[in-house]
Amino acid sequence: AASEQFGRAVFDSLAARVVVLDGDGQIVTTNAAWAAGNPLWGAGGTAAGPGESYLAGIEAIGEDGAALAAGIARVTAGEVPGFEIEVPCVGADGETQWYLTRVTRFDAMEAPRLVISHEDITPVRRAFAAVEESEHKFRAIFTHSPYPIAVFDRPRGKLLAINEAGLREFDYVAQQVLNKSADELGLWVDEAEQERYQRELAEHGVVEDMELQLRTSQGSLRRVLIGSRLVRIRGQQRLLAFVRDITERKLREDALQVLSSGVEHLGGARFFERVTAEMVRILDIEVGFVGRLVQPEKKSISLEVCWVDGKFLPVHEYTIAE
């Protein structure tokens, strides 16, 4: 009697909802978790109890209920020792709940019994759904971003993925660069910049818009802003790197700096001529001019300097078309 009481106490202490069936699918007994309500199935919010048909209750679940019934039949017939399936059920609040349902045959008594446990895995399913949604959003950004994005393994530093923008920017072919490190790809140009980047990442786990120089597969140099962050993806540490090419912008900034230093001693028309000529050369264009609005009410502009096809034209005034 004491052992039976102990066994019953253990049975009722289980968090999973458990029922014991006879060979005909009738419920012999249940534990406290099943009897407490919020059942997998059953009319009126009441769990099916001893003497009632478990199989009749699962018919309302549809295809998943049919699959569970088929599994129970196989275990009952001795074709398989056990069976498990994830079963979705709509609760009283209208929300879908998921149960990992395990069916086990127990032959120690006079007649075979089936023990069926129902473990609530709803939080796990919802967590996986959230991860899948997050991964779907990231994949869309990764695929369609106009800027290079790369994913590296940590701590090995091997390239796991790179988007199309990254392949174009650095003249890569995916099959040739995956599972290689930045050093193996020859990305780094300046050792001091590499050390500064690695130190920032190690200390803070993130690098925000650090300006540095990288090398393409063809040896061309790119001045870039790089943003990086250490993240965990499916339990593994990864490095996300986002790159924005500012090579052209830096060239223009440097050219303007050189230009300003070369004309700062000039004045008047000579100053504007030198500026216009240099900008035409830097930007590789055919026409350049400097003008001023002299009569706003007439929308008239006076050209201080006009450069066309390699020579300066006479200064003149013209009206802006409506």
C-alpha atoms as a PDB file:
ATOM      1  CA  ALA A   1       0.000   0.000   0.000  1.00  0.00           C
ATOM      2  CA  ALA A   2       2.832   2.350   0.885  1.00  0.00           C
ATOM      3  CA  SER A   3       4.567   1.651  -2.383  1.00  0.00           C
ATOM      4  CA  GLU A   4       1.350   2.290  -4.285  1.00  0.00           C
ATOM      5  CA  GLN A   5       0.910   5.608  -2.498  1.00  0.00           C
ATOM      6  CA  PHE A   6       4.485   6.561  -3.282  1.00  0.00           C
ATOM      7  CA  GLY A   7       4.036   5.614  -6.949  1.00  0.00           C
ATOM      8  CA  ARG A   8       0.842   7.637  -7.118  1.00  0.00           C
ATOM      9  CA  ALA A   9       2.552  10.622  -5.534  1.00  0.00           C
ATOM     10  CA  VAL A  10       5.340  10.463  -8.108  1.00  0.00           C
ATOM     11  CA  PHE A  11       2.807  10.053 -10.919  1.00  0.00           C
ATOM     12  CA  ASP A  12       0.847  13.136  -9.779  1.00  0.00           C
ATOM     13  CA  SER A  13       4.005  15.218  -9.329  1.00  0.00           C
ATOM     14  CA  LEU A  14       4.831  15.056 -13.051  1.00  0.00           C
ATOM     15  CA  ALA A  15       4.411  18.385 -14.855  1.00  0.00           C
ATOM     16  CA  ALA A  16       3.532  16.585 -18.089  1.00  0.00           C
ATOM     17  CA  ARG A  17      -0.086  15.557 -18.550  1.00  0.00           C
ATOM     18  CA  VAL A  18      -0.185  11.748 -18.474  1.00  0.00           C
ATOM     19  CA  VAL A  19      -2.951   9.241 -19.226  1.00  0.00           C
ATOM     20  CA  VAL A  20      -2.929   5.427 -19.136  1.00  0.00           C
ATOM     21  CA  LEU A  21      -5.019   3.600 -21.730  1.00  0.00           C
ATOM     22  CA  ASP A  22      -6.197   0.036 -22.070  1.00  0.00           C
ATOM     23  CA  GLY A  23      -5.973  -1.882 -25.346  1.00  0.00           C
ATOM     24  CA  ASP A  24      -9.240  -0.359 -26.596  1.00  0.00           C
ATOM     25  CA  GLY A  25      -8.135   3.231 -26.149  1.00  0.00           C
ATOM     26  CA  GLN A  26     -10.169   3.785 -22.988  1.00  0.00           C
ATOM     27  CA  ILE A  27      -8.609   5.875 -20.231  1.00  0.00           C
ATOM     28  CA  VAL A  28      -7.709   3.787 -17.169  1.00  0.00           C
ATOM     29  CA  THR A  29      -6.212   6.571 -15.046  1.00  0.00           C
ATOM     30  CA  THR A  30      -4.669  10.044 -15.321  1.00  0.00           C
ATOM     31  CA  ASN A  31      -2.277  12.076 -13.259  1.00  0.00           C
ATOM     32  CA  ALA A  32      -3.143  15.320 -11.448  1.00  0.00           C
ATOM     33  CA  ALA A  33      -1.764  17.551 -14.235  1.00  0.00           C
ATOM     34  CA  TRP A  34      -4.177  16.010 -16.775  1.00  0.00           C
ATOM     35  CA  ALA A  35      -7.156  16.138 -14.431  1.00  0.00           C
ATOM     36  CA  ALA A  36      -6.501  19.771 -13.465  1.00  0.00           C
ATOM     37  CA  GLY A  37      -7.966  21.068 -16.705  1.00  0.00           C
ATOM     38  CA  ASN A  38      -6.619  23.055 -19.678  1.00  0.00           C
ATOM     39  CA  PRO A  39      -6.675  19.752 -21.521  1.00  0.00           C
ATOM     40  CA  LEU A  40      -5.289  18.911 -24.906  1.00  0.00           C
ATOM     41  CA  TRP A  41      -8.808  18.097 -26.037  1.00  0.00           C
ATOM     42  CA  GLY A  42     -12.202  17.474 -24.526  1.00  0.00           C
ATOM     43  CA  ALA A  43     -15.513  19.309 -24.584  1.00  0.00           C
ATOM     44  CA  GLY A  44     -16.327  22.213 -22.319  1.00  0.00           C
ATOM     45  CA  GLY A  45     -12.793  22.650 -21.016  1.00  0.00           C
ATOM     46  CA  THR A  46     -12.905  19.392 -19.062  1.00  0.00           C
ATOM     47  CA  ALA A  47     -10.279  16.717 -19.564  1.00  0.00           C
ATOM     48  CA  ALA A  48     -11.491  13.244 -20.473  1.00  0.00           C
ATOM     49  CA  GLY A  49     -11.329  10.987 -17.409  1.00  0.00           C
ATOM     50  CA  PRO A  50     -11.234   7.269 -16.562  1.00  0.00           C
ATOM     51  CA  GLY A  51     -13.698   5.194 -18.578  1.00  0.00           C
ATOM     52  CA  GLU A  52     -13.836   7.687 -21.429  1.00  0.00           C
ATOM     53  CA  SER A  53     -12.350   7.218 -24.889  1.00  0.00           C
ATOM     54  CA  TYR A  54      -9.049   8.965 -25.503  1.00  0.00           C
ATOM     55  CA  LEU A  55      -9.237   8.147 -29.204  1.00  0.00           C
ATOM     56  CA  ALA A  56     -12.618   9.852 -29.576  1.00  0.00           C
ATOM     57  CA  GLY A  57     -11.140  13.030 -28.119  1.00  0.00           C
ATOM     58  CA  ILE A  58      -8.277  13.297 -30.580  1.00  0.00           C
ATOM     59  CA  GLU A  59     -10.485  12.986 -33.650  1.00  0.00           C
ATOM     60  CA  ALA A  60     -11.239  16.729 -33.423  1.00  0.00           C
ATOM     61  CA  ILE A  61      -7.578  17.650 -33.931  1.00  0.00           C
ATOM     62  CA  GLY A  62      -7.682  16.798 -37.631  1.00  0.00           C
ATOM     63  CA  GLU A  63      -4.638  15.460 -39.456  1.00  0.00           C
ATOM     64  CA  ASP A  64      -2.402  15.589 -36.388  1.00  0.00           C
ATOM     65  CA  GLY A  65      -5.032  13.689 -34.408  1.00  0.00           C
ATOM     66  CA  ALA A  66      -5.221  11.060 -37.159  1.00  0.00           C
ATOM     67  CA  ALA A  67      -1.422  10.708 -37.149  1.00  0.00           C
ATOM     68  CA  LEU A  68      -1.435  10.298 -33.361  1.00  0.00           C
ATOM     69  CA  ALA A  69      -4.216   7.673 -33.571  1.00  0.00           C
ATOM     70  CA  ALA A  70      -2.231   5.755 -36.198  1.00  0.00           C
ATOM     71  CA  GLY A  71       0.843   5.836 -33.943  1.00  0.00           C
ATOM     72  CA  ILE A  72      -1.180   4.560 -30.988  1.00  0.00           C
ATOM     73  CA  ALA A  73      -2.503   1.701 -33.134  1.00  0.00           C
ATOM     74  CA  ARG A  74       1.039   0.663 -34.110  1.00  0.00           C
ATOM     75  CA  VAL A  75       2.254   0.725 -30.514  1.00  0.00           C
ATOM     76  CA  THR A  76      -0.839  -1.204 -29.368  1.00  0.00           C
ATOM     77  CA  ALA A  77      -0.201  -3.876 -32.025  1.00  0.00           C
ATOM     78  CA  GLY A  78       3.412  -4.208 -30.923  1.00  0.00           C
ATOM     79  CA  GLU A  79       4.776  -3.003 -34.275  1.00  0.00           C
ATOM     80  CA  VAL A  80       6.894  -0.319 -32.586  1.00  0.00           C
ATOM     81  CA  PRO A  81       7.902   0.091 -28.924  1.00  0.00           C
ATOM     82  CA  GLY A  82       7.000   3.772 -28.837  1.00  0.00           C
ATOM     83  CA  PHE A  83       5.883   6.788 -30.829  1.00  0.00           C
ATOM     84  CA  GLU A  84       6.048  10.570 -30.460  1.00  0.00           C
ATOM     85  CA  ILE A  85       4.575  13.530 -32.292  1.00  0.00           C
ATOM     86  CA  GLU A  86       4.227  17.288 -31.783  1.00  0.00           C
ATOM     87  CA  VAL A  87       0.535  18.105 -31.635  1.00  0.00           C
ATOM     88  CA  PRO A  88      -0.920  21.642 -31.956  1.00  0.00           C
ATOM     89  CA  CYS A  89      -4.107  22.405 -30.042  1.00  0.00           C
ATOM     90  CA  VAL A  90      -6.171  25.573 -29.729  1.00  0.00           C
ATOM     91  CA  GLY A  91      -6.630  26.518 -26.089  1.00  0.00           C
ATOM     92  CA  ALA A  92      -9.602  28.182 -24.418  1.00  0.00           C
ATOM     93  CA  ASP A  93      -8.030  31.584 -25.089  1.00  0.00           C
ATOM     94  CA  GLY A  94      -7.873  30.876 -28.821  1.00  0.00           C
ATOM     95  CA  GLU A  95      -4.073  30.643 -28.815  1.00  0.00           C
ATOM     96  CA  THR A  96      -2.327  27.616 -30.299  1.00  0.00           C
ATOM     97  CA  GLN A  97      -0.458  25.447 -27.818  1.00  0.00           C
ATOM     98  CA  TRP A  98       1.985  22.705 -28.733  1.00  0.00           C
ATOM     99  CA  TYR A  99       2.448  19.384 -26.936  1.00  0.00           C
ATOM    100  CA  LEU A 100       5.128  16.796 -27.442  1.00  0.00           C
ATOM    101  CA  THR A 101       3.048  13.628 -27.156  1.00  0.00           C
ATOM    102  CA  ARG A 102       4.860  10.342 -26.378  1.00  0.00           C
ATOM    103  CA  VAL A 103       3.201   6.920 -26.520  1.00  0.00           C
ATOM    104  CA  THR A 104       4.826   3.969 -24.697  1.00  0.00           C
ATOM    105  CA  ARG A 105       3.603   0.370 -24.319  1.00  0.00           C
ATOM    106  CA  PHE A 106       3.691  -1.119 -20.792  1.00  0.00           C
ATOM    107  CA  ASP A 107       3.399  -4.910 -20.576  1.00  0.00           C
ATOM    108  CA  ALA A 108       4.072  -5.553 -16.884  1.00  0.00           C
ATOM    109  CA  MET A 109       0.385  -5.901 -15.958  1.00  0.00           C
ATOM    110  CA  GLU A 110      -2.192  -8.588 -16.835  1.00  0.00           C
ATOM    111  CA  ALA A 111      -3.259  -6.648 -19.916  1.00  0.00           C
ATOM    112  CA  PRO A 112      -1.092  -4.312 -22.001  1.00  0.00           C
ATOM    113  CA  ARG A 113      -1.324  -0.636 -21.141  1.00  0.00           C
ATOM    114  CA  LEU A 114      -0.305   2.467 -23.040  1.00  0.00           C
ATOM    115  CA  VAL A 115       1.228   5.381 -21.195  1.00  0.00           C
ATOM    116  CA  ILE A 116       0.789   8.686 -23.062  1.00  0.00           C
ATOM    117  CA  SER A 117       2.506  11.825 -21.823  1.00  0.00           C
ATOM    118  CA  HIS A 118       1.843  15.333 -23.103  1.00  0.00           C
ATOM    119  CA  GLU A 119       4.630  17.846 -22.501  1.00  0.00           C
ATOM    120  CA  ASP A 120       3.839  21.503 -23.125  1.00  0.00           C
ATOM    121  CA  ILE A 121       6.485  22.780 -25.574  1.00  0.00           C
ATOM    122  CA  THR A 122       4.652  25.973 -26.526  1.00  0.00           C
ATOM    123  CA  PRO A 123       7.386  28.327 -25.208  1.00  0.00           C
ATOM    124  CA  VAL A 124       9.999  26.389 -27.174  1.00  0.00           C
ATOM    125  CA  ARG A 125       7.946  26.477 -30.374  1.00  0.00           C
ATOM    126  CA  ARG A 126       7.294  30.195 -29.989  1.00  0.00           C
ATOM    127  CA  ALA A 127      10.977  30.848 -29.363  1.00  0.00           C
ATOM    128  CA  PHE A 128      11.908  28.911 -32.508  1.00  0.00           C
ATOM    129  CA  ALA A 129       9.249  30.807 -34.469  1.00  0.00           C
ATOM    130  CA  ALA A 130      10.694  34.120 -33.250  1.00  0.00           C
ATOM    131  CA  VAL A 131      14.193  33.014 -34.250  1.00  0.00           C
ATOM    132  CA  GLU A 132      12.978  31.910 -37.678  1.00  0.00           C
ATOM    133  CA  GLU A 133      11.207  35.235 -38.205  1.00  0.00           C
ATOM    134  CA  SER A 134      14.314  37.132 -37.123  1.00  0.00           C
ATOM    135  CA  GLU A 135      16.513  35.032 -39.422  1.00  0.00           C
ATOM    136  CA  HIS A 136      14.090  35.595 -42.303  1.00  0.00           C
ATOM    137  CA  LYS A 137      14.286  39.371 -41.812  1.00  0.00           C
ATOM    138  CA  PHE A 138      18.075  39.275 -41.549  1.00  0.00           C
ATOM    139  CA  ARG A 139      18.349  37.130 -44.687  1.00  0.00           C
ATOM    140  CA  ALA A 140      16.214  39.647 -46.608  1.00  0.00           C
ATOM    141  CA  ILE A 141      18.458  42.506 -45.468  1.00  0.00           C
ATOM    142  CA  PHE A 142      21.585  40.436 -46.127  1.00  0.00           C
ATOM    143  CA  THR A 143      20.498  39.495 -49.639  1.00  0.00           C
ATOM    144  CA  HIS A 144      19.168  42.838 -50.841  1.00  0.00           C
ATOM    145  CA  SER A 145      21.509  45.281 -49.099  1.00  0.00           C
ATOM    146  CA  PRO A 146      23.399  47.533 -51.545  1.00  0.00           C
ATOM    147  CA  TYR A 147      26.339  47.473 -49.124  1.00  0.00           C
ATOM    148  CA  PRO A 148      28.669  44.523 -48.466  1.00  0.00           C
ATOM    149  CA  ILE A 149      27.722  42.333 -45.481  1.00  0.00           C
ATOM    150  CA  ALA A 150      29.847  39.414 -44.303  1.00  0.00           C
ATOM    151  CA  VAL A 151      29.507  36.807 -41.547  1.00  0.00           C
ATOM    152  CA  PHE A 152      32.652  35.405 -39.952  1.00  0.00           C
ATOM    153  CA  ASP A 153      33.105  32.503 -37.567  1.00  0.00           C
ATOM    154  CA  ARG A 154      34.599  33.264 -34.172  1.00  0.00           C
ATOM    155  CA  PRO A 155      37.218  32.732 -32.937  1.00  0.00           C
ATOM    156  CA  ARG A 156      38.638  31.111 -36.111  1.00  0.00           C
ATOM    157  CA  GLY A 157      37.803  34.170 -38.199  1.00  0.00           C
ATOM    158  CA  LYS A 158      36.665  32.155 -41.245  1.00  0.00           C
ATOM    159  CA  LEU A 159      34.254  33.728 -43.730  1.00  0.00           C
ATOM    160  CA  LEU A 160      30.917  31.892 -43.543  1.00  0.00           C
ATOM    161  CA  ALA A 161      28.758  34.070 -45.793  1.00  0.00           C
ATOM    162  CA  ILE A 162      28.993  37.193 -47.938  1.00  0.00           C
ATOM    163  CA  ASN A 163      26.224  38.904 -49.892  1.00  0.00           C
ATOM    164  CA  GLU A 164      26.215  39.784 -53.578  1.00  0.00           C
ATOM    165  CA  ALA A 165      27.195  43.394 -52.891  1.00  0.00           C
ATOM    166  CA  GLY A 166      30.294  42.149 -51.082  1.00  0.00           C
ATOM    167  CA  LEU A 167      31.228  39.815 -53.908  1.00  0.00           C
ATOM    168  CA  ARG A 168      30.961  42.692 -56.409  1.00  0.00           C
ATOM    169  CA  GLU A 169      32.798  45.215 -54.253  1.00  0.00           C
ATOM    170  CA  PHE A 170      35.820  43.008 -53.617  1.00  0.00           C
ATOM    171  CA  ASP A 171      35.832  41.047 -56.902  1.00  0.00           C
ATOM    172  CA  TYR A 172      35.160  37.758 -55.141  1.00  0.00           C
ATOM    173  CA  VAL A 173      33.715  34.444 -56.274  1.00  0.00           C
ATOM    174  CA  ALA A 174      31.843  32.843 -53.364  1.00  0.00           C
ATOM    175  CA  GLN A 175      33.291  29.357 -53.850  1.00  0.00           C
ATOM    176  CA  GLN A 176      36.826  30.766 -53.694  1.00  0.00           C
ATOM    177  CA  VAL A 177      36.506  32.846 -50.525  1.00  0.00           C
ATOM    178  CA  LEU A 178      34.190  30.954 -48.154  1.00  0.00           C
ATOM    179  CA  ASN A 179      35.863  29.374 -45.129  1.00  0.00           C
ATOM    180  CA  LYS A 180      38.910  31.630 -45.516  1.00  0.00           C
ATOM    181  CA  SER A 181      40.094  34.274 -43.055  1.00  0.00           C
ATOM    182  CA  ALA A 182      40.613  37.969 -43.791  1.00  0.00           C
ATOM    183  CA  ASP A 183      44.365  37.365 -43.666  1.00  0.00           C
ATOM    184  CA  GLU A 184      44.104  34.512 -46.178  1.00  0.00           C
ATOM    185  CA  LEU A 185      42.051  36.769 -48.459  1.00  0.00           C
ATOM    186  CA  GLY A 186      44.627  39.552 -48.172  1.00  0.00           C
ATOM    187  CA  LEU A 187      41.989  42.063 -47.069  1.00  0.00           C
ATOM    188  CA  TRP A 188      44.137  44.026 -44.666  1.00  0.00           C
ATOM    189  CA  VAL A 189      46.437  46.738 -46.019  1.00  0.00           C
ATOM    190  CA  ASP A 190      47.708  48.480 -42.884  1.00  0.00           C
ATOM    191  CA  GLU A 191      48.799  46.351 -39.919  1.00  0.00           C
ATOM    192  CA  ALA A 192      48.234  49.237 -37.498  1.00  0.00           C
ATOM    193  CA  GLU A 193      44.633  49.623 -38.709  1.00  0.00           C
ATOM    194  CA  GLN A 194      44.072  45.879 -38.338  1.00  0.00           C
ATOM    195  CA  GLU A 195      45.362  45.937 -34.753  1.00  0.00           C
ATOM    196  CA  ARG A 196      43.192  48.971 -33.922  1.00  0.00           C
ATOM    197  CA  TYR A 197      40.119  47.223 -35.330  1.00  0.00           C
ATOM    198  CA  GLN A 198      40.781  43.940 -33.499  1.00  0.00           C
ATOM    199  CA  ARG A 199      41.439  45.769 -30.226  1.00  0.00           C
ATOM    200  CA  GLU A 200      38.190  47.750 -30.467  1.00  0.00           C
ATOM    201  CA  LEU A 201      36.239  44.580 -31.225  1.00  0.00           C
ATOM    202  CA  ALA A 202      37.838  42.642 -28.354  1.00  0.00           C
ATOM    203  CA  GLU A 203      37.216  45.416 -25.821  1.00  0.00           C
ATOM    204  CA  HIS A 204      33.675  46.392 -26.764  1.00  0.00           C
ATOM    205  CA  GLY A 205      32.266  43.604 -28.955  1.00  0.00           C
ATOM    206  CA  VAL A 206      31.292  46.239 -31.500  1.00  0.00           C
ATOM    207  CA  VAL A 207      33.018  48.584 -33.949  1.00  0.00           C
ATOM    208  CA  GLU A 208      31.119  51.660 -35.161  1.00  0.00           C
ATOM    209  CA  ASP A 209      32.023  53.205 -38.554  1.00  0.00           C
ATOM    210  CA  MET A 210      35.789  52.788 -38.308  1.00  0.00           C
ATOM    211  CA  GLU A 211      37.601  54.213 -41.324  1.00  0.00           C
ATOM    212  CA  LEU A 212      40.275  51.926 -42.734  1.00  0.00           C
ATOM    213  CA  GLN A 213      41.670  50.545 -45.976  1.00  0.00           C
ATOM    214  CA  LEU A 214      40.922  47.116 -47.482  1.00  0.00           C
ATOM    215  CA  ARG A 215      42.244  45.306 -50.546  1.00  0.00           C
ATOM    216  CA  THR A 216      40.159  43.616 -53.276  1.00  0.00           C
ATOM    217  CA  SER A 217      41.069  40.301 -54.875  1.00  0.00           C
ATOM    218  CA  GLN A 218      42.587  42.254 -57.805  1.00  0.00           C
ATOM    219  CA  GLY A 219      44.813  44.312 -55.534  1.00  0.00           C
ATOM    220  CA  SER A 220      42.792  47.537 -55.735  1.00  0.00           C
ATOM    221  CA  LEU A 221      42.582  49.534 -52.510  1.00  0.00           C
ATOM    222  CA  ARG A 222      39.273  50.643 -51.027  1.00  0.00           C
ATOM    223  CA  ARG A 223      38.813  53.239 -48.304  1.00  0.00           C
ATOM    224  CA  VAL A 224      35.819  52.081 -46.275  1.00  0.00           C
ATOM    225  CA  LEU A 225      33.761  52.641 -43.170  1.00  0.00           C
ATOM    226  CA  ILE A 226      33.309  49.332 -41.378  1.00  0.00           C
ATOM    227  CA  GLY A 227      30.800  48.498 -38.667  1.00  0.00           C
ATOM    228  CA  SER A 228      31.076  45.157 -36.888  1.00  0.00           C
ATOM    229  CA  ARG A 229      29.280  43.378 -34.061  1.00  0.00           C
ATOM    230  CA  LEU A 230      29.748  40.086 -32.214  1.00  0.00           C
ATOM    231  CA  VAL A 231      26.457  38.159 -32.070  1.00  0.00           C
ATOM    232  CA  ARG A 232      25.224  34.659 -31.287  1.00  0.00           C
ATOM    233  CA  ILE A 233      23.430  32.792 -34.064  1.00  0.00           C
ATOM    234  CA  ARG A 234      21.933  29.423 -33.113  1.00  0.00           C
ATOM    235  CA  GLY A 235      24.178  29.324 -30.080  1.00  0.00           C
ATOM    236  CA  GLN A 236      27.396  30.026 -32.004  1.00  0.00           C
ATOM    237  CA  GLN A 237      29.405  33.242 -31.798  1.00  0.00           C
ATOM    238  CA  ARG A 238      29.595  35.078 -35.101  1.00  0.00           C
ATOM    239  CA  LEU A 239      30.997  38.381 -36.360  1.00  0.00           C
ATOM    240  CA  LEU A 240      28.776  40.533 -38.570  1.00  0.00           C
ATOM    241  CA  ALA A 241      30.641  43.078 -40.661  1.00  0.00           C
ATOM    242  CA  PHE A 242      28.979  45.885 -42.647  1.00  0.00           C
ATOM    243  CA  VAL A 243      31.124  47.812 -45.140  1.00  0.00           C
ATOM    244  CA  ARG A 244      30.510  51.127 -46.892  1.00  0.00           C
ATOM    245  CA  ASP A 245      32.912  52.202 -49.651  1.00  0.00           C
ATOM    246  CA  ILE A 246      33.975  55.850 -49.301  1.00  0.00           C
ATOM    247  CA  THR A 247      36.901  55.712 -51.738  1.00  0.00           C
ATOM    248  CA  GLU A 248      35.432  58.239 -54.189  1.00  0.00           C
ATOM    249  CA  ARG A 249      34.382  60.585 -51.418  1.00  0.00           C
ATOM    250  CA  LYS A 250      37.870  60.517 -49.889  1.00  0.00           C
ATOM    251  CA  LEU A 251      39.456  61.188 -53.265  1.00  0.00           C
ATOM    252  CA  ARG A 252      37.306  64.271 -53.691  1.00  0.00           C
ATOM    253  CA  GLU A 253      37.986  65.454 -50.150  1.00  0.00           C
ATOM    254  CA  ASP A 254      41.729  65.009 -50.650  1.00  0.00           C
ATOM    255  CA  ALA A 255      41.575  66.746 -54.025  1.00  0.00           C
ATOM    256  CA  LEU A 256      39.702  69.703 -52.545  1.00  0.00           C
ATOM    257  CA  GLN A 257      42.257  69.959 -49.773  1.00  0.00           C
ATOM    258  CA  VAL A 258      45.110  69.969 -52.287  1.00  0.00           C
ATOM    259  CA  LEU A 259      43.227  72.449 -54.430  1.00  0.00           C
ATOM    260  CA  SER A 260      42.535  74.841 -51.553  1.00  0.00           C
ATOM    261  CA  SER A 261      46.171  74.789 -50.476  1.00  0.00           C
ATOM    262  CA  GLY A 262      47.262  75.575 -54.056  1.00  0.00           C
ATOM    263  CA  VAL A 263      45.008  78.605 -54.632  1.00  0.00           C
ATOM    264  CA  GLU A 264      44.792  80.213 -51.206  1.00  0.00           C
ATOM    265  CA  HIS A 265      47.310  82.907 -52.300  1.00  0.00           C
ATOM    266  CA  LEU A 266      45.269  83.851 -55.379  1.00  0.00           C
ATOM    267  CA  GLY A 267      42.488  86.407 -55.568  1.00  0.00           C
ATOM    268  CA  GLY A 268      39.735  87.755 -57.813  1.00  0.00           C
ATOM    269  CA  ALA A 269      39.127  86.222 -61.237  1.00  0.00           C
ATOM    270  CA  ARG A 270      42.416  84.312 -61.099  1.00  0.00           C
ATOM    271  CA  PHE A 271      41.168  82.436 -58.026  1.00  0.00           C
ATOM    272  CA  PHE A 272      37.923  81.361 -59.742  1.00  0.00           C
ATOM    273  CA  GLU A 273      39.757  80.342 -62.910  1.00  0.00           C
ATOM    274  CA  ARG A 274      42.145  78.096 -60.990  1.00  0.00           C
ATOM    275  CA  VAL A 275      39.354  76.524 -58.921  1.00  0.00           C
ATOM    276  CA  THR A 276      37.218  75.837 -62.004  1.00  0.00           C
ATOM    277  CA  ALA A 277      40.107  74.360 -64.001  1.00  0.00           C
ATOM    278  CA  GLU A 278      41.118  72.074 -61.129  1.00  0.00           C
ATOM    279  CA  MET A 279      37.565  70.864 -60.462  1.00  0.00           C
ATOM    280  CA  VAL A 280      37.057  70.084 -64.168  1.00  0.00           C
ATOM    281  CA  ARG A 281      40.243  68.020 -64.079  1.00  0.00           C
ATOM    282  CA  ILE A 282      39.430  66.245 -60.799  1.00  0.00           C
ATOM    283  CA  LEU A 283      35.853  65.415 -61.776  1.00  0.00           C
ATOM    284  CA  ASP A 284      36.782  64.593 -65.394  1.00  0.00           C
ATOM    285  CA  ILE A 285      34.019  66.718 -66.919  1.00  0.00           C
ATOM    286  CA  GLU A 286      33.875  68.943 -70.028  1.00  0.00           C
ATOM    287  CA  VAL A 287      32.070  72.035 -68.717  1.00  0.00           C
ATOM    288  CA  GLY A 288      32.551  73.982 -65.506  1.00  0.00           C
ATOM    289  CA  PHE A 289      31.616  77.480 -64.431  1.00  0.00           C
ATOM    290  CA  VAL A 290      31.314  79.828 -61.471  1.00  0.00           C
ATOM    291  CA  GLY A 291      28.418  82.274 -61.506  1.00  0.00           C
ATOM    292  CA  ARG A 292      26.570  84.670 -59.236  1.00  0.00           C
ATOM    293  CA  LEU A 293      22.942  85.721 -59.095  1.00  0.00           C
ATOM    294  CA  VAL A 294      23.001  89.436 -59.853  1.00  0.00           C
ATOM    295  CA  GLN A 295      19.322  90.233 -60.307  1.00  0.00           C
ATOM    296  CA  PRO A 296      17.098  87.825 -58.334  1.00  0.00           C
ATOM    297  CA  GLU A 297      13.865  89.408 -59.590  1.00  0.00           C
ATOM    298  CA  LYS A 298      14.993  88.865 -63.208  1.00  0.00           C
ATOM    299  CA  LYS A 299      16.618  85.507 -62.465  1.00  0.00           C
ATOM    300  CA  SER A 300      19.822  86.694 -64.102  1.00  0.00           C
ATOM    301  CA  ILE A 301      23.223  85.050 -63.560  1.00  0.00           C
ATOM    302  CA  SER A 302      26.612  86.588 -64.293  1.00  0.00           C
ATOM    303  CA  LEU A 303      29.355  84.069 -65.085  1.00  0.00           C
ATOM    304  CA  GLU A 304      32.634  84.848 -63.363  1.00  0.00           C
ATOM    305  CA  VAL A 305      34.385  81.938 -65.083  1.00  0.00           C
ATOM    306  CA  CYS A 306      33.241  79.522 -67.793  1.00  0.00           C
ATOM    307  CA  TRP A 307      35.378  76.579 -68.907  1.00  0.00           C
ATOM    308  CA  VAL A 308      34.317  74.547 -71.961  1.00  0.00           C
ATOM    309  CA  ASP A 309      36.339  71.952 -73.847  1.00  0.00           C
ATOM    310  CA  GLY A 310      39.694  72.972 -72.416  1.00  0.00           C
ATOM    311  CA  LYS A 311      39.456  76.768 -72.619  1.00  0.00           C
ATOM    312  CA  PHE A 312      37.912  79.748 -70.868  1.00  0.00           C
ATOM    313  CA  LEU A 313      35.048  81.567 -72.589  1.00  0.00           C
ATOM    314  CA  PRO A 314      34.353  85.295 -72.310  1.00  0.00           C
ATOM    315  CA  VAL A 315      32.438  86.318 -69.187  1.00  0.00           C
ATOM    316  CA  HIS A 316      28.806  87.122 -69.887  1.00  0.00           C
ATOM    317  CA  GLU A 317      25.382  87.390 -68.244  1.00  0.00           C
ATOM    318  CA  TYR A 318      22.361  85.274 -69.067  1.00  0.00           C
ATOM    319  CA  THR A 319      18.800  84.776 -67.881  1.00  0.00           C
ATOM    320  CA  ILE A 320      17.632  81.564 -66.316  1.00  0.00           C
ATOM    321  CA  ALA A 321      14.833  79.967 -68.338  1.00  0.00           C
ATOM    322  CA  GLU A 322      11.446  79.695 -66.674  1.00  0.00           C
END
